[in-house]
Amino acid sequence: VQDKLDGKQLASEVQETGIVAMGSLVGKLCQQKLCRLQEVKRGVETILRGLRNAEEESEAVIYLLALGNAALPETIPMLLDHAEEGPAAITTAAISALQRFPTWHISGQVKQTMRRIFHEKWKSYEKTCRLAAAEILLDNEPSPMDVINILLAANEMETEMATLLLLKIQNSLR
């Protein structure tokens, strides 16, 4: 995949699909304890370099999707930065990537960032971003205070969003 992407003028759809597929391949190979292969390291570096050099929002989203597919724990700080600082599409893609990580990778730092996004501490986030942040909190060993705060915040939300969060909480209580 890397060889096909390198140095060729490909249609943007093919390029994007190749990048996302590379993320999946990196993730699968790392799951099989093959992260140290030169090809895997090259794939990771290509994705990270592409994300750093992305000039357009849509381009950054593709690289964030690839990082989500790879689900490499060392990329969590980068995903958190994009989740909190990016425009809506980038924030959504970064939070979506974080949702793919198993519970043991959802650290206190991740939860703190998701709390800031859900409660809109630094800036205003789209409701889909806030909802995804709440889902990360509720799906990964939520603290009683997180549940209480989400319930309290639900009172001030649109009916659909509040209902979805309440159903999520009810399902986790079962």
N, C-alpha and C. Protein backbone atom coordinates (compact mmCIF):
# COMPACT_ATOMS: atom_id res chain seq x y z
N VAL A 1 0.84 -1.19 0.00
CA VAL A 1 0.00 0.00 0.00
C VAL A 1 0.89 1.24 0.00
N GLN A 2 1.91 1.22 0.85
CA GLN A 2 2.81 2.38 0.93
C GLN A 2 3.47 2.65 -0.41
N ASP A 3 3.94 1.60 -1.06
CA ASP A 3 4.60 1.79 -2.35
C ASP A 3 3.66 2.38 -3.39
N LYS A 4 2.40 1.97 -3.35
CA LYS A 4 1.42 2.50 -4.29
C LYS A 4 1.12 3.98 -4.02
N LEU A 5 1.17 4.37 -2.76
CA LEU A 5 0.86 5.75 -2.40
C LEU A 5 2.04 6.70 -2.63
N ASP A 6 3.26 6.17 -2.53
CA ASP A 6 4.45 7.01 -2.63
C ASP A 6 4.69 7.51 -4.05
N GLY A 7 4.80 8.80 -4.16
CA GLY A 7 5.28 9.41 -5.39
C GLY A 7 4.37 9.29 -6.59
N LYS A 8 3.16 8.86 -6.44
CA LYS A 8 2.28 8.73 -7.60
C LYS A 8 1.15 9.73 -7.49
N GLN A 9 0.73 10.20 -8.62
CA GLN A 9 -0.42 11.09 -8.68
C GLN A 9 -1.67 10.23 -8.80
N LEU A 10 -2.28 9.96 -7.69
CA LEU A 10 -3.48 9.13 -7.65
C LEU A 10 -4.70 10.02 -7.49
N ALA A 11 -5.84 9.50 -7.92
CA ALA A 11 -7.09 10.22 -7.67
C ALA A 11 -7.25 10.36 -6.16
N SER A 12 -7.81 11.47 -5.72
CA SER A 12 -7.90 11.73 -4.28
C SER A 12 -8.65 10.64 -3.54
N GLU A 13 -9.69 10.04 -4.16
CA GLU A 13 -10.43 8.96 -3.51
C GLU A 13 -9.55 7.75 -3.27
N VAL A 14 -8.70 7.45 -4.25
CA VAL A 14 -7.79 6.30 -4.13
C VAL A 14 -6.75 6.58 -3.05
N GLN A 15 -6.21 7.79 -3.06
CA GLN A 15 -5.23 8.20 -2.05
C GLN A 15 -5.83 8.09 -0.65
N GLU A 16 -7.03 8.63 -0.47
CA GLU A 16 -7.69 8.61 0.84
C GLU A 16 -7.96 7.19 1.30
N THR A 17 -8.45 6.35 0.40
CA THR A 17 -8.73 4.96 0.74
C THR A 17 -7.45 4.24 1.13
N GLY A 18 -6.38 4.51 0.42
CA GLY A 18 -5.09 3.90 0.73
C GLY A 18 -4.57 4.29 2.11
N ILE A 19 -4.76 5.54 2.48
CA ILE A 19 -4.30 6.03 3.78
C ILE A 19 -5.10 5.36 4.90
N VAL A 20 -6.43 5.32 4.74
CA VAL A 20 -7.29 4.70 5.75
C VAL A 20 -6.97 3.21 5.86
N ALA A 21 -6.76 2.55 4.70
CA ALA A 21 -6.41 1.12 4.70
C ALA A 21 -5.05 0.89 5.37
N MET A 22 -4.11 1.80 5.14
CA MET A 22 -2.80 1.68 5.78
C MET A 22 -2.94 1.73 7.30
N GLY A 23 -3.82 2.59 7.79
CA GLY A 23 -4.08 2.64 9.23
C GLY A 23 -4.60 1.31 9.75
N SER A 24 -5.51 0.70 8.99
CA SER A 24 -6.05 -0.61 9.38
C SER A 24 -4.96 -1.68 9.38
N LEU A 25 -4.13 -1.67 8.36
CA LEU A 25 -3.04 -2.66 8.29
C LEU A 25 -2.06 -2.49 9.45
N VAL A 26 -1.72 -1.25 9.74
CA VAL A 26 -0.82 -0.98 10.88
C VAL A 26 -1.44 -1.51 12.16
N GLY A 27 -2.72 -1.24 12.36
CA GLY A 27 -3.40 -1.71 13.56
C GLY A 27 -3.41 -3.23 13.67
N LYS A 28 -3.72 -3.91 12.57
CA LYS A 28 -3.76 -5.38 12.58
C LYS A 28 -2.38 -5.96 12.82
N LEU A 29 -1.37 -5.40 12.18
CA LEU A 29 -0.01 -5.92 12.38
C LEU A 29 0.48 -5.68 13.80
N CYS A 30 0.12 -4.53 14.37
CA CYS A 30 0.53 -4.27 15.75
C CYS A 30 -0.20 -5.18 16.73
N GLN A 31 -1.45 -5.52 16.44
CA GLN A 31 -2.17 -6.47 17.28
C GLN A 31 -1.48 -7.83 17.29
N GLN A 32 -0.79 -8.15 16.21
CA GLN A 32 -0.07 -9.41 16.11
C GLN A 32 1.39 -9.27 16.56
N LYS A 33 1.67 -8.20 17.30
CA LYS A 33 3.00 -7.92 17.86
C LYS A 33 4.07 -7.73 16.78
N LEU A 34 3.67 -7.10 15.66
CA LEU A 34 4.60 -6.85 14.57
C LEU A 34 4.86 -5.36 14.35
N CYS A 35 4.67 -4.58 15.39
CA CYS A 35 4.85 -3.12 15.29
C CYS A 35 6.29 -2.73 14.96
N ARG A 36 7.22 -3.59 15.24
CA ARG A 36 8.63 -3.24 15.02
C ARG A 36 9.10 -3.47 13.60
N LEU A 37 8.24 -4.04 12.77
CA LEU A 37 8.60 -4.22 11.37
C LEU A 37 8.84 -2.86 10.72
N GLN A 38 9.82 -2.80 9.85
CA GLN A 38 10.16 -1.55 9.17
C GLN A 38 8.97 -0.99 8.38
N GLU A 39 8.21 -1.88 7.75
CA GLU A 39 7.06 -1.46 6.96
C GLU A 39 5.98 -0.81 7.83
N VAL A 40 5.81 -1.36 9.04
CA VAL A 40 4.81 -0.82 9.96
C VAL A 40 5.27 0.56 10.45
N LYS A 41 6.53 0.68 10.83
CA LYS A 41 7.06 1.97 11.26
C LYS A 41 6.92 3.02 10.16
N ARG A 42 7.18 2.59 8.94
CA ARG A 42 7.07 3.49 7.79
C ARG A 42 5.61 3.94 7.60
N GLY A 43 4.69 3.02 7.76
CA GLY A 43 3.27 3.35 7.64
C GLY A 43 2.83 4.34 8.71
N VAL A 44 3.25 4.11 9.94
CA VAL A 44 2.91 5.02 11.04
C VAL A 44 3.48 6.40 10.77
N GLU A 45 4.72 6.45 10.37
CA GLU A 45 5.36 7.74 10.10
C GLU A 45 4.67 8.47 8.95
N THR A 46 4.24 7.74 7.94
CA THR A 46 3.53 8.35 6.82
C THR A 46 2.22 8.98 7.29
N ILE A 47 1.48 8.27 8.14
CA ILE A 47 0.22 8.79 8.65
C ILE A 47 0.47 10.02 9.53
N LEU A 48 1.44 9.93 10.43
CA LEU A 48 1.73 11.06 11.32
C LEU A 48 2.23 12.28 10.55
N ARG A 49 3.10 12.04 9.58
CA ARG A 49 3.61 13.15 8.75
C ARG A 49 2.47 13.78 7.96
N GLY A 50 1.61 12.94 7.41
CA GLY A 50 0.47 13.47 6.65
C GLY A 50 -0.44 14.32 7.52
N LEU A 51 -0.67 13.89 8.74
CA LEU A 51 -1.52 14.66 9.65
C LEU A 51 -0.86 16.00 10.00
N ARG A 52 0.44 15.97 10.28
CA ARG A 52 1.16 17.21 10.61
C ARG A 52 1.15 18.18 9.43
N ASN A 53 1.25 17.66 8.21
CA ASN A 53 1.36 18.51 7.03
C ASN A 53 0.03 18.79 6.35
N ALA A 54 -1.05 18.28 6.88
CA ALA A 54 -2.36 18.48 6.25
C ALA A 54 -2.70 19.97 6.20
N GLU A 55 -3.05 20.43 5.03
CA GLU A 55 -3.37 21.84 4.86
C GLU A 55 -4.87 22.09 4.88
N GLU A 56 -5.63 21.06 4.52
CA GLU A 56 -7.08 21.21 4.49
C GLU A 56 -7.71 20.33 5.57
N GLU A 57 -8.86 20.77 6.04
CA GLU A 57 -9.59 20.05 7.08
C GLU A 57 -9.91 18.62 6.64
N SER A 58 -10.37 18.47 5.41
CA SER A 58 -10.74 17.14 4.90
C SER A 58 -9.54 16.20 4.84
N GLU A 59 -8.39 16.74 4.56
CA GLU A 59 -7.16 15.95 4.52
C GLU A 59 -6.79 15.47 5.93
N ALA A 60 -6.89 16.35 6.90
CA ALA A 60 -6.59 15.97 8.29
C ALA A 60 -7.56 14.90 8.78
N VAL A 61 -8.82 14.99 8.39
CA VAL A 61 -9.82 14.01 8.80
C VAL A 61 -9.43 12.61 8.32
N ILE A 62 -8.94 12.50 7.10
CA ILE A 62 -8.53 11.20 6.56
C ILE A 62 -7.40 10.61 7.41
N TYR A 63 -6.42 11.42 7.76
CA TYR A 63 -5.31 10.92 8.57
C TYR A 63 -5.77 10.57 9.99
N LEU A 64 -6.74 11.31 10.52
CA LEU A 64 -7.29 10.96 11.84
C LEU A 64 -8.06 9.64 11.77
N LEU A 65 -8.77 9.41 10.67
CA LEU A 65 -9.45 8.12 10.49
C LEU A 65 -8.43 6.99 10.45
N ALA A 66 -7.32 7.22 9.77
CA ALA A 66 -6.27 6.21 9.70
C ALA A 66 -5.68 5.94 11.09
N LEU A 67 -5.48 7.00 11.87
CA LEU A 67 -4.99 6.81 13.24
C LEU A 67 -5.99 6.03 14.08
N GLY A 68 -7.26 6.30 13.88
CA GLY A 68 -8.29 5.55 14.59
C GLY A 68 -8.26 4.07 14.23
N ASN A 69 -8.05 3.78 12.96
CA ASN A 69 -7.95 2.39 12.52
C ASN A 69 -6.71 1.71 13.10
N ALA A 70 -5.64 2.46 13.22
CA ALA A 70 -4.41 1.89 13.77
C ALA A 70 -4.52 1.67 15.28
N ALA A 71 -5.22 2.57 15.96
CA ALA A 71 -5.44 2.49 17.42
C ALA A 71 -4.14 2.24 18.19
N LEU A 72 -3.15 3.07 17.91
CA LEU A 72 -1.87 2.96 18.60
C LEU A 72 -1.89 3.86 19.84
N PRO A 73 -1.64 3.30 21.01
CA PRO A 73 -1.71 4.09 22.25
C PRO A 73 -0.82 5.34 22.24
N GLU A 74 0.31 5.27 21.56
CA GLU A 74 1.21 6.42 21.55
C GLU A 74 0.64 7.61 20.77
N THR A 75 -0.44 7.40 20.02
CA THR A 75 -1.05 8.51 19.28
C THR A 75 -2.17 9.20 20.05
N ILE A 76 -2.49 8.70 21.23
CA ILE A 76 -3.59 9.28 22.01
C ILE A 76 -3.36 10.77 22.31
N PRO A 77 -2.16 11.21 22.73
CA PRO A 77 -1.98 12.65 22.98
C PRO A 77 -2.26 13.51 21.74
N MET A 78 -1.86 13.03 20.58
CA MET A 78 -2.10 13.76 19.35
C MET A 78 -3.61 13.81 19.05
N LEU A 79 -4.29 12.70 19.28
CA LEU A 79 -5.74 12.68 19.06
C LEU A 79 -6.45 13.62 20.03
N LEU A 80 -5.97 13.67 21.27
CA LEU A 80 -6.58 14.59 22.25
C LEU A 80 -6.40 16.05 21.83
N ASP A 81 -5.22 16.38 21.33
CA ASP A 81 -4.98 17.74 20.86
C ASP A 81 -5.95 18.12 19.74
N HIS A 82 -6.11 17.22 18.79
CA HIS A 82 -7.01 17.49 17.67
C HIS A 82 -8.47 17.51 18.12
N ALA A 83 -8.81 16.67 19.10
CA ALA A 83 -10.18 16.65 19.60
C ALA A 83 -10.55 17.97 20.25
N GLU A 84 -9.63 18.53 20.97
CA GLU A 84 -9.94 19.74 21.73
C GLU A 84 -9.72 21.02 20.94
N GLU A 85 -8.78 21.01 20.04
CA GLU A 85 -8.38 22.25 19.38
C GLU A 85 -8.92 22.41 17.96
N GLY A 86 -9.34 21.33 17.35
CA GLY A 86 -9.70 21.39 15.94
C GLY A 86 -11.06 21.96 15.66
N PRO A 87 -11.29 22.29 14.38
CA PRO A 87 -12.65 22.65 13.97
C PRO A 87 -13.56 21.42 14.08
N ALA A 88 -14.83 21.58 13.88
CA ALA A 88 -15.82 20.53 14.14
C ALA A 88 -15.50 19.20 13.48
N ALA A 89 -15.17 19.18 12.21
CA ALA A 89 -14.91 17.92 11.51
C ALA A 89 -13.69 17.21 12.08
N ILE A 90 -12.68 17.96 12.41
CA ILE A 90 -11.46 17.37 12.98
C ILE A 90 -11.72 16.88 14.40
N THR A 91 -12.45 17.67 15.18
CA THR A 91 -12.81 17.25 16.54
C THR A 91 -13.61 15.95 16.49
N THR A 92 -14.58 15.88 15.61
CA THR A 92 -15.40 14.68 15.48
C THR A 92 -14.57 13.47 15.09
N ALA A 93 -13.67 13.63 14.11
CA ALA A 93 -12.83 12.52 13.67
C ALA A 93 -11.89 12.06 14.78
N ALA A 94 -11.33 12.99 15.53
CA ALA A 94 -10.41 12.64 16.61
C ALA A 94 -11.14 11.91 17.74
N ILE A 95 -12.32 12.38 18.11
CA ILE A 95 -13.09 11.71 19.17
C ILE A 95 -13.52 10.33 18.69
N SER A 96 -13.91 10.24 17.44
CA SER A 96 -14.29 8.94 16.86
C SER A 96 -13.11 7.97 16.91
N ALA A 97 -11.93 8.46 16.63
CA ALA A 97 -10.73 7.61 16.71
C ALA A 97 -10.50 7.15 18.15
N LEU A 98 -10.71 8.03 19.11
CA LEU A 98 -10.52 7.67 20.52
C LEU A 98 -11.54 6.62 20.97
N GLN A 99 -12.72 6.63 20.38
CA GLN A 99 -13.75 5.65 20.74
C GLN A 99 -13.34 4.23 20.38
N ARG A 100 -12.39 4.08 19.49
CA ARG A 100 -11.96 2.75 19.05
C ARG A 100 -10.96 2.09 19.99
N PHE A 101 -10.47 2.85 20.95
CA PHE A 101 -9.48 2.31 21.88
C PHE A 101 -10.17 1.51 22.98
N PRO A 102 -9.52 0.42 23.40
CA PRO A 102 -10.08 -0.35 24.52
C PRO A 102 -10.00 0.46 25.82
N THR A 103 -10.82 0.06 26.77
CA THR A 103 -10.96 0.78 28.04
C THR A 103 -9.62 1.04 28.72
N TRP A 104 -8.71 0.09 28.70
CA TRP A 104 -7.45 0.27 29.44
C TRP A 104 -6.58 1.38 28.87
N HIS A 105 -6.91 1.89 27.67
CA HIS A 105 -6.16 3.02 27.11
C HIS A 105 -6.85 4.36 27.37
N ILE A 106 -8.05 4.31 27.92
CA ILE A 106 -8.77 5.55 28.21
C ILE A 106 -8.35 6.02 29.60
N SER A 107 -7.32 6.81 29.62
CA SER A 107 -6.68 7.25 30.86
C SER A 107 -7.44 8.43 31.46
N GLY A 108 -6.95 8.85 32.62
CA GLY A 108 -7.50 10.03 33.27
C GLY A 108 -7.38 11.27 32.40
N GLN A 109 -6.29 11.36 31.65
CA GLN A 109 -6.08 12.49 30.76
C GLN A 109 -7.14 12.51 29.65
N VAL A 110 -7.44 11.33 29.10
CA VAL A 110 -8.47 11.24 28.06
C VAL A 110 -9.82 11.65 28.65
N LYS A 111 -10.13 11.12 29.83
CA LYS A 111 -11.41 11.45 30.46
C LYS A 111 -11.51 12.93 30.78
N GLN A 112 -10.43 13.53 31.23
CA GLN A 112 -10.45 14.96 31.55
C GLN A 112 -10.72 15.78 30.30
N THR A 113 -10.11 15.41 29.19
CA THR A 113 -10.35 16.11 27.93
C THR A 113 -11.80 15.93 27.49
N MET A 114 -12.33 14.72 27.63
CA MET A 114 -13.72 14.46 27.23
C MET A 114 -14.68 15.25 28.13
N ARG A 115 -14.34 15.40 29.39
CA ARG A 115 -15.17 16.22 30.29
C ARG A 115 -15.18 17.68 29.82
N ARG A 116 -14.01 18.19 29.45
CA ARG A 116 -13.94 19.59 28.98
C ARG A 116 -14.76 19.77 27.71
N ILE A 117 -14.68 18.79 26.82
CA ILE A 117 -15.45 18.89 25.58
C ILE A 117 -16.95 18.79 25.88
N PHE A 118 -17.34 17.80 26.68
CA PHE A 118 -18.76 17.63 26.97
C PHE A 118 -19.35 18.85 27.67
N HIS A 119 -18.61 19.38 28.63
CA HIS A 119 -19.12 20.52 29.39
C HIS A 119 -18.74 21.86 28.76
N GLU A 120 -18.10 21.81 27.58
CA GLU A 120 -17.71 23.00 26.82
C GLU A 120 -16.95 24.01 27.66
N LYS A 121 -15.87 23.54 28.26
CA LYS A 121 -15.09 24.40 29.15
C LYS A 121 -14.27 25.45 28.39
N TRP A 122 -13.72 25.07 27.22
CA TRP A 122 -12.82 25.99 26.52
C TRP A 122 -13.45 26.65 25.32
N LYS A 123 -14.33 25.93 24.65
CA LYS A 123 -14.99 26.50 23.48
C LYS A 123 -16.30 25.77 23.25
N SER A 124 -17.07 26.25 22.32
CA SER A 124 -18.35 25.63 22.01
C SER A 124 -18.13 24.50 21.00
N TYR A 125 -18.65 23.33 21.31
CA TYR A 125 -18.51 22.16 20.45
C TYR A 125 -19.86 21.78 19.87
N GLU A 126 -19.83 21.17 18.70
CA GLU A 126 -21.07 20.67 18.11
C GLU A 126 -21.65 19.59 19.00
N LYS A 127 -22.97 19.41 18.92
CA LYS A 127 -23.61 18.44 19.81
C LYS A 127 -23.14 17.02 19.54
N THR A 128 -22.77 16.69 18.30
CA THR A 128 -22.27 15.34 18.03
C THR A 128 -20.94 15.09 18.73
N CYS A 129 -20.11 16.12 18.80
CA CYS A 129 -18.83 16.00 19.51
C CYS A 129 -19.06 15.83 21.00
N ARG A 130 -19.97 16.62 21.53
CA ARG A 130 -20.28 16.54 22.96
C ARG A 130 -20.86 15.18 23.32
N LEU A 131 -21.73 14.68 22.46
CA LEU A 131 -22.34 13.38 22.68
C LEU A 131 -21.30 12.27 22.63
N ALA A 132 -20.39 12.33 21.67
CA ALA A 132 -19.33 11.33 21.56
C ALA A 132 -18.41 11.39 22.79
N ALA A 133 -18.13 12.59 23.27
CA ALA A 133 -17.30 12.74 24.47
C ALA A 133 -18.00 12.10 25.67
N ALA A 134 -19.31 12.32 25.79
CA ALA A 134 -20.07 11.71 26.89
C ALA A 134 -20.07 10.19 26.76
N GLU A 135 -20.16 9.69 25.54
CA GLU A 135 -20.14 8.24 25.34
C GLU A 135 -18.80 7.63 25.77
N ILE A 136 -17.72 8.31 25.48
CA ILE A 136 -16.41 7.82 25.92
C ILE A 136 -16.38 7.75 27.45
N LEU A 137 -16.90 8.78 28.09
CA LEU A 137 -16.93 8.79 29.56
C LEU A 137 -17.80 7.65 30.09
N LEU A 138 -18.96 7.45 29.50
CA LEU A 138 -19.90 6.44 30.00
C LEU A 138 -19.50 5.01 29.64
N ASP A 139 -18.76 4.85 28.55
CA ASP A 139 -18.38 3.50 28.10
C ASP A 139 -17.10 2.97 28.73
N ASN A 140 -16.40 3.80 29.48
CA ASN A 140 -15.08 3.42 29.99
C ASN A 140 -14.99 3.63 31.50
N GLU A 141 -15.67 2.77 32.22
CA GLU A 141 -15.66 2.80 33.68
C GLU A 141 -15.93 4.21 34.21
N PRO A 142 -17.16 4.69 34.01
CA PRO A 142 -17.46 6.06 34.43
C PRO A 142 -17.43 6.21 35.95
N SER A 143 -16.98 7.34 36.38
CA SER A 143 -17.02 7.63 37.81
C SER A 143 -18.45 8.04 38.16
N PRO A 144 -18.85 7.86 39.40
CA PRO A 144 -20.19 8.31 39.79
C PRO A 144 -20.39 9.81 39.51
N MET A 145 -19.34 10.58 39.67
CA MET A 145 -19.45 12.03 39.43
C MET A 145 -19.67 12.32 37.94
N ASP A 146 -19.05 11.54 37.05
CA ASP A 146 -19.30 11.72 35.62
C ASP A 146 -20.76 11.46 35.29
N VAL A 147 -21.31 10.39 35.85
CA VAL A 147 -22.71 10.06 35.59
C VAL A 147 -23.62 11.17 36.11
N ILE A 148 -23.35 11.63 37.32
CA ILE A 148 -24.16 12.71 37.91
C ILE A 148 -24.07 13.97 37.06
N ASN A 149 -22.87 14.35 36.66
CA ASN A 149 -22.70 15.57 35.87
C ASN A 149 -23.36 15.46 34.50
N ILE A 150 -23.30 14.29 33.89
CA ILE A 150 -23.96 14.10 32.60
C ILE A 150 -25.48 14.18 32.77
N LEU A 151 -25.98 13.58 33.85
CA LEU A 151 -27.43 13.68 34.12
C LEU A 151 -27.86 15.12 34.34
N LEU A 152 -27.06 15.86 35.11
CA LEU A 152 -27.39 17.28 35.36
C LEU A 152 -27.35 18.10 34.07
N ALA A 153 -26.36 17.81 33.24
CA ALA A 153 -26.23 18.55 31.97
C ALA A 153 -27.36 18.19 31.00
N ALA A 154 -27.88 16.97 31.11
CA ALA A 154 -28.95 16.53 30.21
C ALA A 154 -30.19 17.40 30.35
N ASN A 155 -30.40 17.98 31.53
CA ASN A 155 -31.55 18.87 31.74
C ASN A 155 -31.53 20.09 30.83
N GLU A 156 -30.34 20.50 30.42
CA GLU A 156 -30.20 21.72 29.63
C GLU A 156 -30.01 21.44 28.15
N MET A 157 -30.13 20.17 27.75
CA MET A 157 -29.90 19.80 26.35
C MET A 157 -31.20 19.66 25.58
N GLU A 158 -31.02 19.56 24.26
CA GLU A 158 -32.16 19.27 23.41
C GLU A 158 -32.73 17.91 23.80
N THR A 159 -34.00 17.72 23.58
CA THR A 159 -34.70 16.51 24.00
C THR A 159 -34.05 15.24 23.45
N GLU A 160 -33.71 15.24 22.16
CA GLU A 160 -33.15 14.04 21.54
C GLU A 160 -31.81 13.66 22.17
N MET A 161 -30.97 14.64 22.37
CA MET A 161 -29.65 14.38 22.93
C MET A 161 -29.76 13.92 24.38
N ALA A 162 -30.62 14.57 25.14
CA ALA A 162 -30.83 14.18 26.53
C ALA A 162 -31.39 12.77 26.62
N THR A 163 -32.34 12.44 25.77
CA THR A 163 -32.92 11.10 25.76
C THR A 163 -31.87 10.04 25.45
N LEU A 164 -31.05 10.33 24.46
CA LEU A 164 -30.00 9.38 24.10
C LEU A 164 -29.04 9.14 25.26
N LEU A 165 -28.64 10.20 25.93
CA LEU A 165 -27.73 10.06 27.07
C LEU A 165 -28.40 9.30 28.23
N LEU A 166 -29.66 9.61 28.49
CA LEU A 166 -30.37 8.91 29.56
C LEU A 166 -30.51 7.42 29.25
N LEU A 167 -30.79 7.07 27.99
CA LEU A 167 -30.87 5.66 27.61
C LEU A 167 -29.52 4.98 27.76
N LYS A 168 -28.47 5.69 27.41
CA LYS A 168 -27.11 5.14 27.55
C LYS A 168 -26.81 4.85 29.02
N ILE A 169 -27.15 5.76 29.88
CA ILE A 169 -26.93 5.58 31.31
C ILE A 169 -27.77 4.42 31.83
N GLN A 170 -29.04 4.34 31.43
CA GLN A 170 -29.90 3.24 31.85
C GLN A 170 -29.34 1.90 31.40
N ASN A 171 -28.87 1.83 30.17
CA ASN A 171 -28.30 0.56 29.68
C ASN A 171 -27.05 0.16 30.45
N SER A 172 -26.22 1.12 30.80
CA SER A 172 -25.02 0.78 31.55
C SER A 172 -25.35 0.37 32.98
N LEU A 173 -26.44 0.91 33.53
CA LEU A 173 -26.84 0.50 34.87
C LEU A 173 -27.37 -0.94 34.90
N ARG A 174 -27.96 -1.36 33.79
CA ARG A 174 -28.44 -2.73 33.69
C ARG A 174 -27.27 -3.68 33.60
